[in-house]
Amino acid sequence: MALTNVLLISQVAGYVVALILSLCIIVPMNLHQHEFQGHCLLFSTGIWQETDGQLVVNWASPGWCNYTIFVGFIVCLTSIIQIYRLSMMMYRGEDSSFLSAFIDVISSIFLAMCILIAAITITLGFMTWCQCMEKRFSSCDLAAGNDIDKTDNINTSEFYMELGVAQFGAWSSLSIWVGLSVFAVLKLLRYHQLENMKVSMYRERQRLIEAAGNNHTQNIS
């Protein structure tokens, strides 16, 4: 029972952290798209004009940003549901079933893979944009706040910080969900061990009953 409580507490704490980190993805990415008039800078490139110093942007698909936001929402929703479910179990002194533990393993691994893709997308997409910025500025952060694309009327004042926070949230979320996957696997293994123990005890009890019956028969004979 002590091991069960430790796993439950660890899972609840992990889901709380996962919830906070999901907001670190959702909020800055939404703000970025709003400030960029619906455009997504991930994997976007462009050509700097010599005449006015403006950037003619070749905008990438907004699906790159939408995917990261979608993953963030799924992680946020899953974390809230799991926090409530596990907290109620702790309050009632109950434990999850083998089936729910198995579902936790599958869902945790699946979400970890989705977050990994989102983290790679943000990192590589941001690197592509920054490489374009560094053709004019000495570093990517110096491009923030400059009117580099008046045609699209984008607000660049906070893009570096927003994408940096989203990148941090994505990679940190990945580490948390890997940990949650480990906790879920440990719980599943514990259930498997208990099930094997019950089967072994049942077989041993049957063997003792049969042995007692044989001894009784021999005594009568």
C-alpha atoms as a PDB file:
ATOM      1  CA  MET A   1       0.000   0.000   0.000  1.00  0.00           C
ATOM      2  CA  ALA A   2       2.893   2.342   0.755  1.00  0.00           C
ATOM      3  CA  LEU A   3       4.302   1.829  -2.732  1.00  0.00           C
ATOM      4  CA  THR A   4       0.870   2.538  -4.206  1.00  0.00           C
ATOM      5  CA  ASN A   5       0.605   5.835  -2.302  1.00  0.00           C
ATOM      6  CA  VAL A   6       4.087   6.889  -3.419  1.00  0.00           C
ATOM      7  CA  LEU A   7       3.244   6.162  -7.052  1.00  0.00           C
ATOM      8  CA  LEU A   8      -0.085   8.001  -6.811  1.00  0.00           C
ATOM      9  CA  ILE A   9       1.494  11.066  -5.200  1.00  0.00           C
ATOM     10  CA  SER A  10       4.294  11.041  -7.773  1.00  0.00           C
ATOM     11  CA  GLN A  11       1.779  10.811 -10.608  1.00  0.00           C
ATOM     12  CA  VAL A  12      -0.367  13.648  -9.244  1.00  0.00           C
ATOM     13  CA  ALA A  13       2.709  15.859  -8.818  1.00  0.00           C
ATOM     14  CA  GLY A  14       3.843  14.983 -12.340  1.00  0.00           C
ATOM     15  CA  TYR A  15       0.467  15.855 -13.839  1.00  0.00           C
ATOM     16  CA  VAL A  16       0.416  19.184 -11.977  1.00  0.00           C
ATOM     17  CA  VAL A  17       3.801  20.085 -13.448  1.00  0.00           C
ATOM     18  CA  ALA A  18       2.653  18.838 -16.870  1.00  0.00           C
ATOM     19  CA  LEU A  19      -0.403  21.104 -16.642  1.00  0.00           C
ATOM     20  CA  ILE A  20       1.743  24.157 -15.895  1.00  0.00           C
ATOM     21  CA  LEU A  21       4.190  23.342 -18.691  1.00  0.00           C
ATOM     22  CA  SER A  22       1.349  22.839 -21.181  1.00  0.00           C
ATOM     23  CA  LEU A  23       0.355  26.455 -20.555  1.00  0.00           C
ATOM     24  CA  CYS A  24       3.948  27.418 -21.378  1.00  0.00           C
ATOM     25  CA  ILE A  25       3.255  26.045 -24.858  1.00  0.00           C
ATOM     26  CA  ILE A  26      -0.330  27.170 -25.413  1.00  0.00           C
ATOM     27  CA  VAL A  27      -0.106  30.779 -24.204  1.00  0.00           C
ATOM     28  CA  PRO A  28       3.057  31.992 -25.996  1.00  0.00           C
ATOM     29  CA  MET A  29       2.210  30.202 -29.248  1.00  0.00           C
ATOM     30  CA  ASN A  30      -1.261  31.756 -29.288  1.00  0.00           C
ATOM     31  CA  LEU A  31       0.192  35.181 -28.527  1.00  0.00           C
ATOM     32  CA  HIS A  32       2.745  34.739 -31.287  1.00  0.00           C
ATOM     33  CA  GLN A  33       0.133  33.911 -33.911  1.00  0.00           C
ATOM     34  CA  HIS A  34      -2.019  36.848 -32.790  1.00  0.00           C
ATOM     35  CA  GLU A  35       0.910  39.279 -33.022  1.00  0.00           C
ATOM     36  CA  PHE A  36       1.946  37.841 -36.395  1.00  0.00           C
ATOM     37  CA  GLN A  37      -1.591  38.280 -37.801  1.00  0.00           C
ATOM     38  CA  GLY A  38      -2.229  34.544 -38.006  1.00  0.00           C
ATOM     39  CA  HIS A  39       1.130  33.758 -39.585  1.00  0.00           C
ATOM     40  CA  CYS A  40       3.524  31.205 -38.095  1.00  0.00           C
ATOM     41  CA  LEU A  41       7.243  31.950 -38.068  1.00  0.00           C
ATOM     42  CA  LEU A  42       8.188  28.270 -37.686  1.00  0.00           C
ATOM     43  CA  PHE A  43      10.094  27.244 -40.842  1.00  0.00           C
ATOM     44  CA  SER A  44       9.291  30.607 -42.448  1.00  0.00           C
ATOM     45  CA  THR A  45      12.014  32.193 -44.578  1.00  0.00           C
ATOM     46  CA  GLY A  46      12.365  35.341 -46.614  1.00  0.00           C
ATOM     47  CA  ILE A  47      14.502  37.710 -48.666  1.00  0.00           C
ATOM     48  CA  TRP A  48      15.818  40.998 -47.317  1.00  0.00           C
ATOM     49  CA  GLN A  49      15.292  43.922 -49.674  1.00  0.00           C
ATOM     50  CA  GLU A  50      18.216  46.245 -50.099  1.00  0.00           C
ATOM     51  CA  THR A  51      16.022  49.251 -50.881  1.00  0.00           C
ATOM     52  CA  ASP A  52      14.070  49.561 -47.642  1.00  0.00           C
ATOM     53  CA  GLY A  53      15.533  46.813 -45.443  1.00  0.00           C
ATOM     54  CA  GLN A  54      12.212  45.025 -45.280  1.00  0.00           C
ATOM     55  CA  LEU A  55      11.779  41.260 -45.315  1.00  0.00           C
ATOM     56  CA  VAL A  56       9.699  39.660 -48.023  1.00  0.00           C
ATOM     57  CA  VAL A  57       8.509  36.664 -46.032  1.00  0.00           C
ATOM     58  CA  ASN A  58       7.758  33.277 -47.481  1.00  0.00           C
ATOM     59  CA  TRP A  59       5.377  32.184 -44.722  1.00  0.00           C
ATOM     60  CA  ALA A  60       5.292  28.521 -43.838  1.00  0.00           C
ATOM     61  CA  SER A  61       2.040  26.717 -43.128  1.00  0.00           C
ATOM     62  CA  PRO A  62       0.274  27.839 -39.911  1.00  0.00           C
ATOM     63  CA  GLY A  63      -0.234  24.129 -39.272  1.00  0.00           C
ATOM     64  CA  TRP A  64       3.192  24.003 -37.622  1.00  0.00           C
ATOM     65  CA  CYS A  65       2.044  26.377 -34.893  1.00  0.00           C
ATOM     66  CA  ASN A  66      -1.453  24.905 -34.775  1.00  0.00           C
ATOM     67  CA  TYR A  67      -0.029  21.436 -34.125  1.00  0.00           C
ATOM     68  CA  THR A  68       2.012  22.613 -31.139  1.00  0.00           C
ATOM     69  CA  ILE A  69      -1.010  24.464 -29.727  1.00  0.00           C
ATOM     70  CA  PHE A  70      -3.218  21.401 -30.272  1.00  0.00           C
ATOM     71  CA  VAL A  71      -0.738  19.152 -28.457  1.00  0.00           C
ATOM     72  CA  GLY A  72      -0.591  21.680 -25.637  1.00  0.00           C
ATOM     73  CA  PHE A  73      -4.386  21.628 -25.284  1.00  0.00           C
ATOM     74  CA  ILE A  74      -4.492  17.819 -25.285  1.00  0.00           C
ATOM     75  CA  VAL A  75      -1.771  17.671 -22.632  1.00  0.00           C
ATOM     76  CA  CYS A  76      -3.563  20.312 -20.558  1.00  0.00           C
ATOM     77  CA  LEU A  77      -6.909  18.503 -20.739  1.00  0.00           C
ATOM     78  CA  THR A  78      -5.359  15.108 -19.981  1.00  0.00           C
ATOM     79  CA  SER A  79      -3.460  16.526 -17.008  1.00  0.00           C
ATOM     80  CA  ILE A  80      -6.618  18.068 -15.518  1.00  0.00           C
ATOM     81  CA  ILE A  81      -8.558  14.813 -15.903  1.00  0.00           C
ATOM     82  CA  GLN A  82      -5.752  12.742 -14.395  1.00  0.00           C
ATOM     83  CA  ILE A  83      -5.226  15.135 -11.483  1.00  0.00           C
ATOM     84  CA  TYR A  84      -8.910  14.936 -10.607  1.00  0.00           C
ATOM     85  CA  ARG A  85      -9.128  11.159 -11.062  1.00  0.00           C
ATOM     86  CA  LEU A  86      -6.021  10.328  -9.037  1.00  0.00           C
ATOM     87  CA  SER A  87      -6.862  12.868  -6.324  1.00  0.00           C
ATOM     88  CA  MET A  88     -10.291  11.273  -5.858  1.00  0.00           C
ATOM     89  CA  MET A  89      -8.665   7.851  -5.671  1.00  0.00           C
ATOM     90  CA  MET A  90      -6.286   9.061  -2.984  1.00  0.00           C
ATOM     91  CA  TYR A  91      -9.174  10.661  -1.070  1.00  0.00           C
ATOM     92  CA  ARG A  92     -11.227   7.454  -1.184  1.00  0.00           C
ATOM     93  CA  GLY A  93      -8.255   5.216  -0.464  1.00  0.00           C
ATOM     94  CA  GLU A  94      -8.786   3.341  -3.721  1.00  0.00           C
ATOM     95  CA  ASP A  95      -6.409   2.170  -6.395  1.00  0.00           C
ATOM     96  CA  SER A  96      -6.720   1.993 -10.161  1.00  0.00           C
ATOM     97  CA  SER A  97      -7.494  -1.248 -11.936  1.00  0.00           C
ATOM     98  CA  PHE A  98      -5.172  -3.184 -14.203  1.00  0.00           C
ATOM     99  CA  LEU A  99      -7.073  -1.902 -17.251  1.00  0.00           C
ATOM    100  CA  SER A 100      -6.823   1.767 -16.239  1.00  0.00           C
ATOM    101  CA  ALA A 101      -3.116   1.318 -15.458  1.00  0.00           C
ATOM    102  CA  PHE A 102      -2.609  -0.183 -18.922  1.00  0.00           C
ATOM    103  CA  ILE A 103      -4.490   2.744 -20.516  1.00  0.00           C
ATOM    104  CA  ASP A 104      -2.280   5.163 -18.544  1.00  0.00           C
ATOM    105  CA  VAL A 105       0.822   3.503 -19.990  1.00  0.00           C
ATOM    106  CA  ILE A 106      -0.433   3.719 -23.574  1.00  0.00           C
ATOM    107  CA  SER A 107      -1.697   7.315 -23.252  1.00  0.00           C
ATOM    108  CA  SER A 108       1.472   8.525 -21.506  1.00  0.00           C
ATOM    109  CA  ILE A 109       3.752   7.026 -24.143  1.00  0.00           C
ATOM    110  CA  PHE A 110       1.542   8.366 -26.955  1.00  0.00           C
ATOM    111  CA  LEU A 111       1.513  11.901 -25.520  1.00  0.00           C
ATOM    112  CA  ALA A 112       5.271  11.776 -24.926  1.00  0.00           C
ATOM    113  CA  MET A 113       5.759  10.985 -28.623  1.00  0.00           C
ATOM    114  CA  CYS A 114       3.406  13.820 -29.649  1.00  0.00           C
ATOM    115  CA  ILE A 115       5.264  16.266 -27.402  1.00  0.00           C
ATOM    116  CA  LEU A 116       8.609  15.097 -28.808  1.00  0.00           C
ATOM    117  CA  ILE A 117       7.389  15.944 -32.314  1.00  0.00           C
ATOM    118  CA  ALA A 118       6.117  19.337 -31.090  1.00  0.00           C
ATOM    119  CA  ALA A 119       9.428  20.102 -29.353  1.00  0.00           C
ATOM    120  CA  ILE A 120      11.438  19.210 -32.454  1.00  0.00           C
ATOM    121  CA  THR A 121       9.047  21.269 -34.596  1.00  0.00           C
ATOM    122  CA  ILE A 122       9.435  24.372 -32.417  1.00  0.00           C
ATOM    123  CA  THR A 123      13.220  24.022 -32.175  1.00  0.00           C
ATOM    124  CA  LEU A 124      13.946  23.392 -35.859  1.00  0.00           C
ATOM    125  CA  GLY A 125      11.284  25.841 -37.050  1.00  0.00           C
ATOM    126  CA  PHE A 126      12.596  28.602 -34.799  1.00  0.00           C
ATOM    127  CA  MET A 127      16.164  27.886 -35.933  1.00  0.00           C
ATOM    128  CA  THR A 128      15.084  28.310 -39.568  1.00  0.00           C
ATOM    129  CA  TRP A 129      13.516  31.701 -38.807  1.00  0.00           C
ATOM    130  CA  CYS A 130      16.525  32.834 -36.770  1.00  0.00           C
ATOM    131  CA  GLN A 131      18.916  31.904 -39.565  1.00  0.00           C
ATOM    132  CA  CYS A 132      16.939  34.275 -41.762  1.00  0.00           C
ATOM    133  CA  MET A 133      17.053  37.018 -39.094  1.00  0.00           C
ATOM    134  CA  GLU A 134      20.826  36.636 -38.673  1.00  0.00           C
ATOM    135  CA  LYS A 135      21.363  37.570 -42.309  1.00  0.00           C
ATOM    136  CA  ARG A 136      20.632  41.139 -41.208  1.00  0.00           C
ATOM    137  CA  PHE A 137      21.056  41.147 -37.423  1.00  0.00           C
ATOM    138  CA  SER A 138      24.007  39.807 -35.452  1.00  0.00           C
ATOM    139  CA  SER A 139      21.679  37.641 -33.352  1.00  0.00           C
ATOM    140  CA  CYS A 140      18.067  36.555 -33.548  1.00  0.00           C
ATOM    141  CA  ASP A 141      16.983  38.327 -30.372  1.00  0.00           C
ATOM    142  CA  LEU A 142      18.075  41.688 -31.802  1.00  0.00           C
ATOM    143  CA  ALA A 143      15.450  41.336 -34.518  1.00  0.00           C
ATOM    144  CA  ALA A 144      12.683  41.472 -31.902  1.00  0.00           C
ATOM    145  CA  GLY A 145      10.968  44.865 -31.835  1.00  0.00           C
ATOM    146  CA  ASN A 146      12.102  45.896 -35.302  1.00  0.00           C
ATOM    147  CA  ASP A 147       9.722  46.659 -38.175  1.00  0.00           C
ATOM    148  CA  ILE A 148      11.021  43.978 -40.468  1.00  0.00           C
ATOM    149  CA  ASP A 149       7.765  43.306 -42.335  1.00  0.00           C
ATOM    150  CA  LYS A 150       5.453  46.293 -42.554  1.00  0.00           C
ATOM    151  CA  THR A 151       3.573  44.705 -45.444  1.00  0.00           C
ATOM    152  CA  ASP A 152       2.124  41.965 -43.216  1.00  0.00           C
ATOM    153  CA  ASN A 153       1.807  44.355 -40.252  1.00  0.00           C
ATOM    154  CA  ILE A 154       3.338  41.870 -37.818  1.00  0.00           C
ATOM    155  CA  ASN A 155       4.387  42.755 -34.272  1.00  0.00           C
ATOM    156  CA  THR A 156       7.860  41.362 -33.630  1.00  0.00           C
ATOM    157  CA  SER A 157       8.406  42.821 -30.154  1.00  0.00           C
ATOM    158  CA  GLU A 158       7.996  39.564 -28.212  1.00  0.00           C
ATOM    159  CA  PHE A 159       8.523  36.749 -30.707  1.00  0.00           C
ATOM    160  CA  TYR A 160      11.948  35.738 -29.359  1.00  0.00           C
ATOM    161  CA  MET A 161      10.746  35.444 -25.759  1.00  0.00           C
ATOM    162  CA  GLU A 162       7.484  33.732 -26.763  1.00  0.00           C
ATOM    163  CA  LEU A 163       9.166  31.075 -28.869  1.00  0.00           C
ATOM    164  CA  GLY A 164      11.840  30.612 -26.221  1.00  0.00           C
ATOM    165  CA  VAL A 165       9.199  29.946 -23.555  1.00  0.00           C
ATOM    166  CA  ALA A 166       7.315  27.582 -25.881  1.00  0.00           C
ATOM    167  CA  GLN A 167      10.521  25.712 -26.617  1.00  0.00           C
ATOM    168  CA  PHE A 168      11.307  25.410 -22.911  1.00  0.00           C
ATOM    169  CA  GLY A 169       7.749  24.247 -22.190  1.00  0.00           C
ATOM    170  CA  ALA A 170       7.857  21.598 -24.917  1.00  0.00           C
ATOM    171  CA  TRP A 171      11.181  20.014 -23.937  1.00  0.00           C
ATOM    172  CA  SER A 172      10.376  20.206 -20.222  1.00  0.00           C
ATOM    173  CA  SER A 173       6.970  18.618 -20.884  1.00  0.00           C
ATOM    174  CA  LEU A 174       8.708  15.801 -22.714  1.00  0.00           C
ATOM    175  CA  SER A 175      10.857  14.991 -19.689  1.00  0.00           C
ATOM    176  CA  ILE A 176       7.807  15.075 -17.406  1.00  0.00           C
ATOM    177  CA  TRP A 177       5.775  12.761 -19.637  1.00  0.00           C
ATOM    178  CA  VAL A 178       8.664  10.336 -19.926  1.00  0.00           C
ATOM    179  CA  GLY A 179       8.665  10.265 -16.121  1.00  0.00           C
ATOM    180  CA  LEU A 180       4.888   9.784 -16.037  1.00  0.00           C
ATOM    181  CA  SER A 181       5.268   6.905 -18.498  1.00  0.00           C
ATOM    182  CA  VAL A 182       7.806   5.294 -16.172  1.00  0.00           C
ATOM    183  CA  PHE A 183       5.431   5.670 -13.190  1.00  0.00           C
ATOM    184  CA  ALA A 184       2.602   4.134 -15.218  1.00  0.00           C
ATOM    185  CA  VAL A 185       4.797   1.194 -16.264  1.00  0.00           C
ATOM    186  CA  LEU A 186       5.886   0.630 -12.656  1.00  0.00           C
ATOM    187  CA  LYS A 187       2.248   0.540 -11.545  1.00  0.00           C
ATOM    188  CA  LEU A 188       1.383  -1.894 -14.335  1.00  0.00           C
ATOM    189  CA  LEU A 189       4.301  -4.156 -13.367  1.00  0.00           C
ATOM    190  CA  ARG A 190       3.135  -4.055  -9.758  1.00  0.00           C
ATOM    191  CA  TYR A 191      -0.340  -5.206 -10.795  1.00  0.00           C
ATOM    192  CA  HIS A 192       1.237  -7.972 -12.876  1.00  0.00           C
ATOM    193  CA  GLN A 193       3.305  -9.140  -9.899  1.00  0.00           C
ATOM    194  CA  LEU A 194       0.252  -9.119  -7.632  1.00  0.00           C
ATOM    195  CA  GLU A 195      -1.716 -11.105 -10.182  1.00  0.00           C
ATOM    196  CA  ASN A 196       1.072 -13.684 -10.433  1.00  0.00           C
ATOM    197  CA  MET A 197       1.210 -13.859  -6.651  1.00  0.00           C
ATOM    198  CA  LYS A 198      -2.541 -14.492  -6.431  1.00  0.00           C
ATOM    199  CA  VAL A 199      -2.309 -17.254  -9.036  1.00  0.00           C
ATOM    200  CA  SER A 200       0.622 -18.859  -7.207  1.00  0.00           C
ATOM    201  CA  MET A 201      -1.204 -18.700  -3.872  1.00  0.00           C
ATOM    202  CA  TYR A 202      -4.324 -20.207  -5.437  1.00  0.00           C
ATOM    203  CA  ARG A 203      -2.327 -23.070  -6.947  1.00  0.00           C
ATOM    204  CA  GLU A 204      -0.519 -23.684  -3.665  1.00  0.00           C
ATOM    205  CA  ARG A 205      -3.815 -23.717  -1.780  1.00  0.00           C
ATOM    206  CA  GLN A 206      -5.263 -26.211  -4.246  1.00  0.00           C
ATOM    207  CA  ARG A 207      -2.173 -28.387  -3.905  1.00  0.00           C
ATOM    208  CA  LEU A 208      -2.444 -28.376  -0.111  1.00  0.00           C
ATOM    209  CA  ILE A 209      -6.147 -29.226  -0.287  1.00  0.00           C
ATOM    210  CA  GLU A 210      -5.456 -32.111  -2.632  1.00  0.00           C
ATOM    211  CA  ALA A 211      -2.582 -33.339  -0.451  1.00  0.00           C
ATOM    212  CA  ALA A 212      -4.792 -33.162   2.648  1.00  0.00           C
ATOM    213  CA  GLY A 213      -7.511 -35.074   0.824  1.00  0.00           C
ATOM    214  CA  ASN A 214      -5.083 -37.789  -0.250  1.00  0.00           C
ATOM    215  CA  ASN A 215      -3.735 -38.119   3.310  1.00  0.00           C
ATOM    216  CA  HIS A 216      -7.282 -38.413   4.668  1.00  0.00           C
ATOM    217  CA  THR A 217      -8.080 -41.140   2.123  1.00  0.00           C
ATOM    218  CA  GLN A 218      -4.946 -43.062   2.997  1.00  0.00           C
ATOM    219  CA  ASN A 219      -5.731 -42.835   6.746  1.00  0.00           C
ATOM    220  CA  ILE A 220      -9.216 -44.236   6.167  1.00  0.00           C
ATOM    221  CA  SER A 221      -7.772 -47.065   4.109  1.00  0.00           C
END
